[in-house]
């Protein structure tokens, strides 16, 4: 009898742990935005050209916010359980503190054409935005902003396409510009060149497991990688079908596995830090892929978006894709919250 009782206890504990783990595994929430369509859709007085979408069920999305303006990027505060959302828009930075029900514009006419927004992983009050006119920073959750362009060349290096923050050293920030990669070691107060000058950087990502490893997607020159924090860059294009690349991503689990997307070349994957790329002959093989996001809880789940092709999802590591939302929409950003 005692053995049966112990067995029941262990069985209940196992089921409880399984359910808890399963709930965490399903905890990722997907956001994406579109900023244009092939064909205008009119519902009542609402012209459905733009919008922010959130996953409300598995592969089911709701257009729930900021329906009448260009959204270039999304950032969700990881410490707010989805409550605090920031948007980089054509007219500046927007913020919601109630899950997207209400929005406040945080910036004046001085800060426009916001292309990227990123929250400091170690301090949610610190936020950066990369704009067509340089880098801006807030230290008070978006209430006030200051321009950080000391060391950036006017025009070429103040046109900033992308930004990423060192995961453990918040003072170290990398920015992709129209003239190479720039780095700051003092929280954006000063900038210096960090390679690839003369290259237009469309996307830049710091590795989640080794911050010295950084990927850069460039216009007309393919993909570059550095393994020493930006001192030396190596071009890694073997197997790629295009030299104009728009997006790069690191696999959050498998070290050495990286992904990229570009101009009319679909999605490519490498398992050896880009020494050789594998291009799958799948549903998006010839499409413009401008955005890639990997589910942090299951790296077999990959989302891709492009120019007027909707949001696509793979559940087998990129071998096959299925369009799951807004098939004629131009996806401008994808964000996955843990």
C-alpha atoms as a PDB file:
ATOM      1  CA  UNK A   1       0.000   0.000   0.000  1.00  0.00           C
ATOM      2  CA  UNK A   2       2.838   2.365   0.877  1.00  0.00           C
ATOM      3  CA  UNK A   3       4.443   1.698  -2.507  1.00  0.00           C
ATOM      4  CA  UNK A   4       1.168   2.506  -4.282  1.00  0.00           C
ATOM      5  CA  UNK A   5       0.845   5.696  -2.242  1.00  0.00           C
ATOM      6  CA  UNK A   6       4.382   6.770  -3.100  1.00  0.00           C
ATOM      7  CA  UNK A   7       3.779   5.944  -6.758  1.00  0.00           C
ATOM      8  CA  UNK A   8       0.677   8.163  -6.777  1.00  0.00           C
ATOM      9  CA  UNK A   9       2.636  11.024  -5.186  1.00  0.00           C
ATOM     10  CA  UNK A  10       5.430  10.756  -7.751  1.00  0.00           C
ATOM     11  CA  UNK A  11       2.891  10.530 -10.573  1.00  0.00           C
ATOM     12  CA  UNK A  12       1.106  13.682  -9.389  1.00  0.00           C
ATOM     13  CA  UNK A  13       4.429  15.509  -9.030  1.00  0.00           C
ATOM     14  CA  UNK A  14       5.460  14.458 -12.542  1.00  0.00           C
ATOM     15  CA  UNK A  15       2.180  15.638 -14.059  1.00  0.00           C
ATOM     16  CA  UNK A  16       2.426  18.951 -12.192  1.00  0.00           C
ATOM     17  CA  UNK A  17       5.997  19.578 -13.373  1.00  0.00           C
ATOM     18  CA  UNK A  18       5.052  18.633 -16.935  1.00  0.00           C
ATOM     19  CA  UNK A  19       2.129  21.054 -16.928  1.00  0.00           C
ATOM     20  CA  UNK A  20       4.271  23.865 -15.524  1.00  0.00           C
ATOM     21  CA  UNK A  21       6.990  23.293 -18.095  1.00  0.00           C
ATOM     22  CA  UNK A  22       4.421  23.062 -20.869  1.00  0.00           C
ATOM     23  CA  UNK A  23       2.864  26.354 -19.820  1.00  0.00           C
ATOM     24  CA  UNK A  24       6.274  28.023 -19.935  1.00  0.00           C
ATOM     25  CA  UNK A  25       6.989  26.446 -23.309  1.00  0.00           C
ATOM     26  CA  UNK A  26       3.826  28.031 -24.660  1.00  0.00           C
ATOM     27  CA  UNK A  27       4.557  31.406 -23.035  1.00  0.00           C
ATOM     28  CA  UNK A  28       6.047  33.104 -26.110  1.00  0.00           C
ATOM     29  CA  UNK A  29       3.827  35.794 -27.590  1.00  0.00           C
ATOM     30  CA  UNK A  30       4.295  37.047 -31.138  1.00  0.00           C
ATOM     31  CA  UNK A  31       3.792  40.654 -32.245  1.00  0.00           C
ATOM     32  CA  UNK A  32       4.187  41.967 -35.763  1.00  0.00           C
ATOM     33  CA  UNK A  33       3.346  45.079 -37.751  1.00  0.00           C
ATOM     34  CA  UNK A  34       2.575  45.914 -41.344  1.00  0.00           C
ATOM     35  CA  UNK A  35       3.021  49.251 -43.090  1.00  0.00           C
ATOM     36  CA  UNK A  36       1.431  48.722 -46.456  1.00  0.00           C
ATOM     37  CA  UNK A  37      -0.410  46.271 -48.692  1.00  0.00           C
ATOM     38  CA  UNK A  38      -0.580  45.264 -52.314  1.00  0.00           C
ATOM     39  CA  UNK A  39      -4.252  46.262 -52.364  1.00  0.00           C
ATOM     40  CA  UNK A  40      -6.033  48.676 -50.027  1.00  0.00           C
ATOM     41  CA  UNK A  41      -8.747  47.116 -47.860  1.00  0.00           C
ATOM     42  CA  UNK A  42     -11.615  49.270 -46.580  1.00  0.00           C
ATOM     43  CA  UNK A  43     -13.810  48.093 -43.701  1.00  0.00           C
ATOM     44  CA  UNK A  44     -16.402  50.745 -42.910  1.00  0.00           C
ATOM     45  CA  UNK A  45     -14.355  53.918 -42.533  1.00  0.00           C
ATOM     46  CA  UNK A  46     -11.194  52.016 -41.634  1.00  0.00           C
ATOM     47  CA  UNK A  47      -8.549  51.722 -44.360  1.00  0.00           C
ATOM     48  CA  UNK A  48      -6.649  48.602 -43.330  1.00  0.00           C
ATOM     49  CA  UNK A  49      -3.176  49.526 -44.540  1.00  0.00           C
ATOM     50  CA  UNK A  50      -1.237  49.556 -41.295  1.00  0.00           C
ATOM     51  CA  UNK A  51      -1.402  48.083 -37.854  1.00  0.00           C
ATOM     52  CA  UNK A  52       0.078  46.264 -34.904  1.00  0.00           C
ATOM     53  CA  UNK A  53      -0.940  42.628 -34.512  1.00  0.00           C
ATOM     54  CA  UNK A  54      -0.735  40.332 -31.516  1.00  0.00           C
ATOM     55  CA  UNK A  55      -1.134  36.575 -31.289  1.00  0.00           C
ATOM     56  CA  UNK A  56      -4.324  35.809 -29.352  1.00  0.00           C
ATOM     57  CA  UNK A  57      -4.321  32.104 -30.069  1.00  0.00           C
ATOM     58  CA  UNK A  58      -1.992  29.686 -31.789  1.00  0.00           C
ATOM     59  CA  UNK A  59      -1.329  31.225 -35.230  1.00  0.00           C
ATOM     60  CA  UNK A  60      -4.336  33.523 -34.808  1.00  0.00           C
ATOM     61  CA  UNK A  61      -3.650  37.270 -34.760  1.00  0.00           C
ATOM     62  CA  UNK A  62      -5.663  40.328 -33.832  1.00  0.00           C
ATOM     63  CA  UNK A  63      -5.078  43.779 -35.296  1.00  0.00           C
ATOM     64  CA  UNK A  64      -5.296  45.630 -32.031  1.00  0.00           C
ATOM     65  CA  UNK A  65      -3.422  48.925 -32.062  1.00  0.00           C
ATOM     66  CA  UNK A  66      -1.955  51.908 -33.900  1.00  0.00           C
ATOM     67  CA  UNK A  67      -3.963  51.232 -37.019  1.00  0.00           C
ATOM     68  CA  UNK A  68      -3.289  54.428 -38.943  1.00  0.00           C
ATOM     69  CA  UNK A  69       0.453  54.979 -38.950  1.00  0.00           C
ATOM     70  CA  UNK A  70       3.774  53.499 -40.022  1.00  0.00           C
ATOM     71  CA  UNK A  71       5.344  51.158 -37.476  1.00  0.00           C
ATOM     72  CA  UNK A  72       8.996  50.335 -38.108  1.00  0.00           C
ATOM     73  CA  UNK A  73       9.833  48.356 -34.973  1.00  0.00           C
ATOM     74  CA  UNK A  74       8.382  46.873 -31.772  1.00  0.00           C
ATOM     75  CA  UNK A  75       9.877  46.394 -28.306  1.00  0.00           C
ATOM     76  CA  UNK A  76       8.064  44.840 -25.350  1.00  0.00           C
ATOM     77  CA  UNK A  77       9.400  45.260 -21.814  1.00  0.00           C
ATOM     78  CA  UNK A  78      10.350  41.772 -20.667  1.00  0.00           C
ATOM     79  CA  UNK A  79       9.671  42.733 -17.042  1.00  0.00           C
ATOM     80  CA  UNK A  80       6.080  43.844 -17.674  1.00  0.00           C
ATOM     81  CA  UNK A  81       4.475  40.604 -18.907  1.00  0.00           C
ATOM     82  CA  UNK A  82       3.421  42.345 -22.115  1.00  0.00           C
ATOM     83  CA  UNK A  83       1.991  45.416 -20.425  1.00  0.00           C
ATOM     84  CA  UNK A  84       4.574  47.958 -21.637  1.00  0.00           C
ATOM     85  CA  UNK A  85       4.985  48.195 -25.419  1.00  0.00           C
ATOM     86  CA  UNK A  86       7.114  50.657 -27.400  1.00  0.00           C
ATOM     87  CA  UNK A  87       6.812  51.363 -31.112  1.00  0.00           C
ATOM     88  CA  UNK A  88       9.280  53.074 -33.427  1.00  0.00           C
ATOM     89  CA  UNK A  89       7.162  55.005 -35.920  1.00  0.00           C
ATOM     90  CA  UNK A  90       7.497  57.589 -38.632  1.00  0.00           C
ATOM     91  CA  UNK A  91       6.419  60.288 -36.202  1.00  0.00           C
ATOM     92  CA  UNK A  92       8.582  59.122 -33.279  1.00  0.00           C
ATOM     93  CA  UNK A  93       8.196  56.745 -30.338  1.00  0.00           C
ATOM     94  CA  UNK A  94       4.837  55.515 -29.039  1.00  0.00           C
ATOM     95  CA  UNK A  95       4.250  53.810 -25.690  1.00  0.00           C
ATOM     96  CA  UNK A  96       1.433  51.799 -24.177  1.00  0.00           C
ATOM     97  CA  UNK A  97       1.391  50.818 -20.501  1.00  0.00           C
ATOM     98  CA  UNK A  98      -1.881  48.865 -20.654  1.00  0.00           C
ATOM     99  CA  UNK A  99      -1.236  46.059 -23.150  1.00  0.00           C
ATOM    100  CA  UNK A 100      -1.875  48.290 -26.169  1.00  0.00           C
ATOM    101  CA  UNK A 101      -5.283  49.684 -25.215  1.00  0.00           C
ATOM    102  CA  UNK A 102      -4.078  53.278 -25.029  1.00  0.00           C
ATOM    103  CA  UNK A 103      -1.056  54.966 -26.576  1.00  0.00           C
ATOM    104  CA  UNK A 104       1.032  58.039 -25.858  1.00  0.00           C
ATOM    105  CA  UNK A 105       3.460  59.702 -28.222  1.00  0.00           C
ATOM    106  CA  UNK A 106       6.657  60.304 -26.258  1.00  0.00           C
ATOM    107  CA  UNK A 107       8.653  62.434 -28.656  1.00  0.00           C
ATOM    108  CA  UNK A 108       8.485  65.879 -30.238  1.00  0.00           C
ATOM    109  CA  UNK A 109       8.970  66.914 -33.854  1.00  0.00           C
ATOM    110  CA  UNK A 110      12.749  66.748 -33.298  1.00  0.00           C
ATOM    111  CA  UNK A 111      12.649  62.948 -33.071  1.00  0.00           C
ATOM    112  CA  UNK A 112      11.033  61.472 -36.168  1.00  0.00           C
ATOM    113  CA  UNK A 113      11.714  58.620 -38.592  1.00  0.00           C
ATOM    114  CA  UNK A 114      12.393  56.173 -35.753  1.00  0.00           C
ATOM    115  CA  UNK A 115      13.571  52.958 -37.410  1.00  0.00           C
ATOM    116  CA  UNK A 116      14.446  50.764 -34.411  1.00  0.00           C
ATOM    117  CA  UNK A 117      13.655  50.765 -30.705  1.00  0.00           C
ATOM    118  CA  UNK A 118      15.415  48.660 -28.075  1.00  0.00           C
ATOM    119  CA  UNK A 119      15.071  48.387 -24.299  1.00  0.00           C
ATOM    120  CA  UNK A 120      18.177  47.984 -22.140  1.00  0.00           C
ATOM    121  CA  UNK A 121      18.117  44.305 -21.050  1.00  0.00           C
ATOM    122  CA  UNK A 122      19.339  45.315 -17.578  1.00  0.00           C
ATOM    123  CA  UNK A 123      17.287  48.471 -16.987  1.00  0.00           C
ATOM    124  CA  UNK A 124      13.829  48.953 -18.505  1.00  0.00           C
ATOM    125  CA  UNK A 125      13.950  52.709 -17.922  1.00  0.00           C
ATOM    126  CA  UNK A 126      16.741  53.026 -20.500  1.00  0.00           C
ATOM    127  CA  UNK A 127      15.608  52.854 -24.116  1.00  0.00           C
ATOM    128  CA  UNK A 128      17.348  53.697 -27.383  1.00  0.00           C
ATOM    129  CA  UNK A 129      15.995  54.427 -30.802  1.00  0.00           C
ATOM    130  CA  UNK A 130      17.912  54.393 -34.082  1.00  0.00           C
ATOM    131  CA  UNK A 131      16.574  57.018 -36.472  1.00  0.00           C
ATOM    132  CA  UNK A 132      17.301  58.535 -39.852  1.00  0.00           C
ATOM    133  CA  UNK A 133      18.996  61.356 -37.947  1.00  0.00           C
ATOM    134  CA  UNK A 134      21.028  59.532 -35.313  1.00  0.00           C
ATOM    135  CA  UNK A 135      20.634  57.762 -31.971  1.00  0.00           C
ATOM    136  CA  UNK A 136      18.326  58.997 -29.214  1.00  0.00           C
ATOM    137  CA  UNK A 137      18.232  57.775 -25.604  1.00  0.00           C
ATOM    138  CA  UNK A 138      15.888  57.989 -22.635  1.00  0.00           C
ATOM    139  CA  UNK A 139      16.688  57.088 -19.028  1.00  0.00           C
ATOM    140  CA  UNK A 140      13.207  57.756 -17.614  1.00  0.00           C
ATOM    141  CA  UNK A 141      11.025  55.248 -19.475  1.00  0.00           C
ATOM    142  CA  UNK A 142      10.526  57.524 -22.454  1.00  0.00           C
ATOM    143  CA  UNK A 143       9.428  60.738 -20.766  1.00  0.00           C
ATOM    144  CA  UNK A 144      12.464  62.699 -22.008  1.00  0.00           C
ATOM    145  CA  UNK A 145      14.902  61.984 -24.829  1.00  0.00           C
ATOM    146  CA  UNK A 146      18.412  63.190 -25.698  1.00  0.00           C
ATOM    147  CA  UNK A 147      20.289  62.920 -28.970  1.00  0.00           C
ATOM    148  CA  UNK A 148      23.519  60.890 -28.920  1.00  0.00           C
ATOM    149  CA  UNK A 149      25.559  61.557 -32.060  1.00  0.00           C
ATOM    150  CA  UNK A 150      29.002  62.534 -30.761  1.00  0.00           C
ATOM    151  CA  UNK A 151      31.437  60.771 -33.111  1.00  0.00           C
ATOM    152  CA  UNK A 152      28.919  59.975 -35.850  1.00  0.00           C
ATOM    153  CA  UNK A 153      29.589  61.527 -39.242  1.00  0.00           C
ATOM    154  CA  UNK A 154      26.773  63.797 -40.306  1.00  0.00           C
ATOM    155  CA  UNK A 155      24.417  62.184 -42.854  1.00  0.00           C
ATOM    156  CA  UNK A 156      26.222  58.885 -43.506  1.00  0.00           C
ATOM    157  CA  UNK A 157      26.679  57.669 -39.919  1.00  0.00           C
ATOM    158  CA  UNK A 158      23.692  59.461 -38.430  1.00  0.00           C
ATOM    159  CA  UNK A 159      21.448  57.443 -40.746  1.00  0.00           C
ATOM    160  CA  UNK A 160      21.195  54.516 -38.330  1.00  0.00           C
ATOM    161  CA  UNK A 161      19.333  51.403 -39.469  1.00  0.00           C
ATOM    162  CA  UNK A 162      19.815  49.052 -36.520  1.00  0.00           C
ATOM    163  CA  UNK A 163      21.058  48.870 -32.928  1.00  0.00           C
ATOM    164  CA  UNK A 164      21.900  46.177 -30.382  1.00  0.00           C
ATOM    165  CA  UNK A 165      23.076  46.231 -26.758  1.00  0.00           C
ATOM    166  CA  UNK A 166      25.698  44.030 -25.101  1.00  0.00           C
ATOM    167  CA  UNK A 167      23.673  41.589 -22.945  1.00  0.00           C
ATOM    168  CA  UNK A 168      25.719  42.042 -19.749  1.00  0.00           C
ATOM    169  CA  UNK A 169      27.412  45.433 -20.285  1.00  0.00           C
ATOM    170  CA  UNK A 170      24.691  47.964 -21.015  1.00  0.00           C
ATOM    171  CA  UNK A 171      27.197  50.704 -21.750  1.00  0.00           C
ATOM    172  CA  UNK A 172      28.390  48.873 -24.861  1.00  0.00           C
ATOM    173  CA  UNK A 173      26.163  49.460 -27.868  1.00  0.00           C
ATOM    174  CA  UNK A 174      26.622  48.635 -31.556  1.00  0.00           C
ATOM    175  CA  UNK A 175      24.862  50.542 -34.317  1.00  0.00           C
ATOM    176  CA  UNK A 176      24.595  49.791 -38.039  1.00  0.00           C
ATOM    177  CA  UNK A 177      24.706  52.902 -40.214  1.00  0.00           C
ATOM    178  CA  UNK A 178      24.809  53.875 -43.872  1.00  0.00           C
ATOM    179  CA  UNK A 179      28.604  53.925 -43.455  1.00  0.00           C
ATOM    180  CA  UNK A 180      29.603  50.890 -41.428  1.00  0.00           C
ATOM    181  CA  UNK A 181      29.335  49.789 -37.807  1.00  0.00           C
ATOM    182  CA  UNK A 182      29.743  52.182 -34.889  1.00  0.00           C
ATOM    183  CA  UNK A 183      30.289  51.283 -31.231  1.00  0.00           C
ATOM    184  CA  UNK A 184      29.840  53.126 -27.953  1.00  0.00           C
ATOM    185  CA  UNK A 185      31.407  52.036 -24.666  1.00  0.00           C
ATOM    186  CA  UNK A 186      29.778  54.738 -22.540  1.00  0.00           C
ATOM    187  CA  UNK A 187      26.073  54.321 -23.059  1.00  0.00           C
ATOM    188  CA  UNK A 188      25.917  56.299 -26.288  1.00  0.00           C
ATOM    189  CA  UNK A 189      27.749  59.404 -25.106  1.00  0.00           C
ATOM    190  CA  UNK A 190      30.509  58.910 -27.694  1.00  0.00           C
ATOM    191  CA  UNK A 191      30.848  56.725 -30.781  1.00  0.00           C
ATOM    192  CA  UNK A 192      33.757  55.330 -32.754  1.00  0.00           C
ATOM    193  CA  UNK A 193      34.094  53.263 -35.889  1.00  0.00           C
ATOM    194  CA  UNK A 194      34.032  49.488 -35.476  1.00  0.00           C
ATOM    195  CA  UNK A 195      34.561  48.270 -39.016  1.00  0.00           C
ATOM    196  CA  UNK A 196      32.799  47.843 -42.364  1.00  0.00           C
ATOM    197  CA  UNK A 197      33.085  51.519 -43.217  1.00  0.00           C
ATOM    198  CA  UNK A 198      31.796  52.066 -46.748  1.00  0.00           C
ATOM    199  CA  UNK A 199      29.180  49.351 -46.239  1.00  0.00           C
ATOM    200  CA  UNK A 200      25.498  50.059 -45.650  1.00  0.00           C
ATOM    201  CA  UNK A 201      24.355  47.969 -42.684  1.00  0.00           C
ATOM    202  CA  UNK A 202      20.740  46.791 -42.918  1.00  0.00           C
ATOM    203  CA  UNK A 203      20.734  44.627 -39.786  1.00  0.00           C
ATOM    204  CA  UNK A 204      23.066  43.824 -36.906  1.00  0.00           C
ATOM    205  CA  UNK A 205      22.758  41.270 -34.100  1.00  0.00           C
ATOM    206  CA  UNK A 206      24.926  40.405 -31.068  1.00  0.00           C
ATOM    207  CA  UNK A 207      25.155  36.715 -30.186  1.00  0.00           C
ATOM    208  CA  UNK A 208      23.115  35.766 -27.091  1.00  0.00           C
ATOM    209  CA  UNK A 209      25.810  33.335 -25.891  1.00  0.00           C
ATOM    210  CA  UNK A 210      29.024  35.205 -26.824  1.00  0.00           C
ATOM    211  CA  UNK A 211      28.750  39.012 -27.164  1.00  0.00           C
ATOM    212  CA  UNK A 212      32.048  39.140 -29.055  1.00  0.00           C
ATOM    213  CA  UNK A 213      30.288  37.440 -31.982  1.00  0.00           C
ATOM    214  CA  UNK A 214      28.254  39.867 -34.079  1.00  0.00           C
ATOM    215  CA  UNK A 215      26.486  39.459 -37.425  1.00  0.00           C
ATOM    216  CA  UNK A 216      25.882  42.227 -39.952  1.00  0.00           C
ATOM    217  CA  UNK A 217      23.646  42.136 -43.039  1.00  0.00           C
ATOM    218  CA  UNK A 218      24.724  44.606 -45.721  1.00  0.00           C
ATOM    219  CA  UNK A 219      23.483  46.186 -48.916  1.00  0.00           C
ATOM    220  CA  UNK A 220      25.280  44.657 -51.939  1.00  0.00           C
ATOM    221  CA  UNK A 221      28.008  42.900 -49.894  1.00  0.00           C
ATOM    222  CA  UNK A 222      26.221  40.035 -48.154  1.00  0.00           C
ATOM    223  CA  UNK A 223      26.820  38.912 -44.578  1.00  0.00           C
ATOM    224  CA  UNK A 224      29.749  39.697 -42.288  1.00  0.00           C
ATOM    225  CA  UNK A 225      30.724  38.223 -38.926  1.00  0.00           C
ATOM    226  CA  UNK A 226      33.125  39.313 -36.199  1.00  0.00           C
ATOM    227  CA  UNK A 227      34.264  37.072 -33.350  1.00  0.00           C
ATOM    228  CA  UNK A 228      36.328  39.669 -31.497  1.00  0.00           C
ATOM    229  CA  UNK A 229      33.790  42.363 -30.746  1.00  0.00           C
ATOM    230  CA  UNK A 230      34.107  44.279 -34.000  1.00  0.00           C
ATOM    231  CA  UNK A 231      37.863  44.494 -34.504  1.00  0.00           C
ATOM    232  CA  UNK A 232      38.030  42.120 -37.480  1.00  0.00           C
ATOM    233  CA  UNK A 233      35.112  41.294 -39.783  1.00  0.00           C
ATOM    234  CA  UNK A 234      34.910  38.356 -42.181  1.00  0.00           C
ATOM    235  CA  UNK A 235      32.637  38.140 -45.217  1.00  0.00           C
ATOM    236  CA  UNK A 236      30.633  34.884 -45.150  1.00  0.00           C
ATOM    237  CA  UNK A 237      28.679  34.491 -48.369  1.00  0.00           C
ATOM    238  CA  UNK A 238      29.332  30.924 -49.574  1.00  0.00           C
ATOM    239  CA  UNK A 239      25.988  29.499 -50.674  1.00  0.00           C
ATOM    240  CA  UNK A 240      24.030  32.761 -50.655  1.00  0.00           C
ATOM    241  CA  UNK A 241      21.987  33.710 -53.718  1.00  0.00           C
ATOM    242  CA  UNK A 242      22.029  37.467 -53.139  1.00  0.00           C
ATOM    243  CA  UNK A 243      24.503  40.049 -51.872  1.00  0.00           C
ATOM    244  CA  UNK A 244      21.755  42.381 -50.653  1.00  0.00           C
ATOM    245  CA  UNK A 245      20.801  40.988 -47.261  1.00  0.00           C
ATOM    246  CA  UNK A 246      18.206  42.507 -44.957  1.00  0.00           C
ATOM    247  CA  UNK A 247      18.036  40.347 -41.831  1.00  0.00           C
ATOM    248  CA  UNK A 248      20.243  38.176 -39.620  1.00  0.00           C
ATOM    249  CA  UNK A 249      19.491  36.110 -36.511  1.00  0.00           C
ATOM    250  CA  UNK A 250      21.230  33.800 -34.050  1.00  0.00           C
ATOM    251  CA  UNK A 251      19.711  30.516 -32.961  1.00  0.00           C
ATOM    252  CA  UNK A 252      19.072  31.009 -29.209  1.00  0.00           C
ATOM    253  CA  UNK A 253      19.961  27.407 -28.401  1.00  0.00           C
ATOM    254  CA  UNK A 254      22.330  25.944 -30.987  1.00  0.00           C
ATOM    255  CA  UNK A 255      25.700  27.697 -30.975  1.00  0.00           C
ATOM    256  CA  UNK A 256      26.998  28.227 -34.481  1.00  0.00           C
ATOM    257  CA  UNK A 257      23.558  28.156 -36.078  1.00  0.00           C
ATOM    258  CA  UNK A 258      22.654  31.449 -37.746  1.00  0.00           C
ATOM    259  CA  UNK A 259      20.013  32.635 -40.220  1.00  0.00           C
ATOM    260  CA  UNK A 260      19.658  35.337 -42.847  1.00  0.00           C
ATOM    261  CA  UNK A 261      17.175  36.717 -45.361  1.00  0.00           C
ATOM    262  CA  UNK A 262      17.554  39.052 -48.294  1.00  0.00           C
ATOM    263  CA  UNK A 263      16.541  40.353 -51.676  1.00  0.00           C
ATOM    264  CA  UNK A 264      14.570  37.766 -53.676  1.00  0.00           C
ATOM    265  CA  UNK A 265      16.534  34.950 -52.044  1.00  0.00           C
ATOM    266  CA  UNK A 266      14.267  33.787 -49.263  1.00  0.00           C
ATOM    267  CA  UNK A 267      15.697  32.308 -46.095  1.00  0.00           C
ATOM    268  CA  UNK A 268      19.109  30.693 -45.508  1.00  0.00           C
ATOM    269  CA  UNK A 269      20.607  28.780 -42.581  1.00  0.00           C
ATOM    270  CA  UNK A 270      24.145  27.933 -41.520  1.00  0.00           C
ATOM    271  CA  UNK A 271      25.283  25.541 -38.793  1.00  0.00           C
ATOM    272  CA  UNK A 272      28.926  26.690 -38.780  1.00  0.00           C
ATOM    273  CA  UNK A 273      28.790  30.473 -38.262  1.00  0.00           C
ATOM    274  CA  UNK A 274      28.304  31.113 -41.969  1.00  0.00           C
ATOM    275  CA  UNK A 275      31.192  29.123 -43.406  1.00  0.00           C
ATOM    276  CA  UNK A 276      28.563  27.566 -45.655  1.00  0.00           C
ATOM    277  CA  UNK A 277      24.917  28.522 -46.066  1.00  0.00           C
ATOM    278  CA  UNK A 278      22.077  26.115 -46.829  1.00  0.00           C
ATOM    279  CA  UNK A 279      19.172  27.495 -48.815  1.00  0.00           C
ATOM    280  CA  UNK A 280      15.961  25.488 -48.703  1.00  0.00           C
ATOM    281  CA  UNK A 281      13.798  25.129 -51.786  1.00  0.00           C
ATOM    282  CA  UNK A 282      10.660  26.006 -49.868  1.00  0.00           C
ATOM    283  CA  UNK A 283       7.629  28.290 -50.035  1.00  0.00           C
ATOM    284  CA  UNK A 284       9.643  31.513 -49.597  1.00  0.00           C
ATOM    285  CA  UNK A 285      12.767  30.602 -51.575  1.00  0.00           C
ATOM    286  CA  UNK A 286      12.429  33.535 -54.008  1.00  0.00           C
ATOM    287  CA  UNK A 287      10.813  36.144 -51.756  1.00  0.00           C
ATOM    288  CA  UNK A 288      12.229  39.315 -50.215  1.00  0.00           C
ATOM    289  CA  UNK A 289      12.766  38.440 -46.563  1.00  0.00           C
ATOM    290  CA  UNK A 290      13.406  41.539 -44.466  1.00  0.00           C
ATOM    291  CA  UNK A 291      12.578  40.296 -40.949  1.00  0.00           C
ATOM    292  CA  UNK A 292      13.459  37.092 -39.080  1.00  0.00           C
ATOM    293  CA  UNK A 293      12.571  36.138 -35.496  1.00  0.00           C
ATOM    294  CA  UNK A 294      13.338  32.896 -33.652  1.00  0.00           C
ATOM    295  CA  UNK A 295      11.136  31.624 -30.841  1.00  0.00           C
ATOM    296  CA  UNK A 296      13.371  31.796 -27.730  1.00  0.00           C
ATOM    297  CA  UNK A 297      11.614  28.769 -26.230  1.00  0.00           C
ATOM    298  CA  UNK A 298      11.761  26.575 -29.336  1.00  0.00           C
ATOM    299  CA  UNK A 299      14.309  27.423 -32.019  1.00  0.00           C
ATOM    300  CA  UNK A 300      12.581  25.128 -34.504  1.00  0.00           C
ATOM    301  CA  UNK A 301       9.876  27.794 -34.678  1.00  0.00           C
ATOM    302  CA  UNK A 302      10.946  30.634 -36.968  1.00  0.00           C
ATOM    303  CA  UNK A 303       8.992  33.632 -38.221  1.00  0.00           C
ATOM    304  CA  UNK A 304       9.831  35.535 -41.392  1.00  0.00           C
ATOM    305  CA  UNK A 305       8.327  38.601 -42.986  1.00  0.00           C
ATOM    306  CA  UNK A 306       8.938  40.503 -46.166  1.00  0.00           C
ATOM    307  CA  UNK A 307       7.843  43.039 -48.699  1.00  0.00           C
ATOM    308  CA  UNK A 308       4.148  42.414 -49.376  1.00  0.00           C
ATOM    309  CA  UNK A 309       4.233  38.710 -48.553  1.00  0.00           C
ATOM    310  CA  UNK A 310       2.721  38.522 -45.057  1.00  0.00           C
ATOM    311  CA  UNK A 311       3.932  36.735 -41.925  1.00  0.00           C
ATOM    312  CA  UNK A 312       5.391  33.261 -42.462  1.00  0.00           C
ATOM    313  CA  UNK A 313       6.085  30.542 -39.906  1.00  0.00           C
ATOM    314  CA  UNK A 314       8.277  27.455 -39.884  1.00  0.00           C
ATOM    315  CA  UNK A 315       8.050  24.695 -37.271  1.00  0.00           C
ATOM    316  CA  UNK A 316      10.928  22.627 -38.647  1.00  0.00           C
ATOM    317  CA  UNK A 317      13.876  24.990 -38.394  1.00  0.00           C
ATOM    318  CA  UNK A 318      13.276  26.730 -41.709  1.00  0.00           C
ATOM    319  CA  UNK A 319      12.881  23.757 -44.022  1.00  0.00           C
ATOM    320  CA  UNK A 320       9.258  24.635 -44.785  1.00  0.00           C
ATOM    321  CA  UNK A 321       7.164  27.757 -44.209  1.00  0.00           C
ATOM    322  CA  UNK A 322       3.471  28.566 -44.097  1.00  0.00           C
ATOM    323  CA  UNK A 323       1.873  32.000 -44.378  1.00  0.00           C
ATOM    324  CA  UNK A 324      -0.155  32.482 -41.193  1.00  0.00           C
ATOM    325  CA  UNK A 325      -1.255  36.139 -41.329  1.00  0.00           C
ATOM    326  CA  UNK A 326      -1.851  39.112 -43.642  1.00  0.00           C
ATOM    327  CA  UNK A 327      -0.773  37.439 -46.881  1.00  0.00           C
ATOM    328  CA  UNK A 328      -0.530  40.691 -48.849  1.00  0.00           C
ATOM    329  CA  UNK A 329       0.917  42.839 -46.061  1.00  0.00           C
ATOM    330  CA  UNK A 330       4.384  44.369 -45.919  1.00  0.00           C
ATOM    331  CA  UNK A 331       5.767  43.149 -42.585  1.00  0.00           C
ATOM    332  CA  UNK A 332       7.856  45.902 -40.993  1.00  0.00           C
ATOM    333  CA  UNK A 333       8.725  44.246 -37.675  1.00  0.00           C
ATOM    334  CA  UNK A 334       8.423  41.009 -35.674  1.00  0.00           C
ATOM    335  CA  UNK A 335       8.901  40.722 -31.924  1.00  0.00           C
ATOM    336  CA  UNK A 336       8.634  37.605 -29.767  1.00  0.00           C
ATOM    337  CA  UNK A 337       8.283  38.045 -26.018  1.00  0.00           C
ATOM    338  CA  UNK A 338       9.332  35.252 -23.697  1.00  0.00           C
END
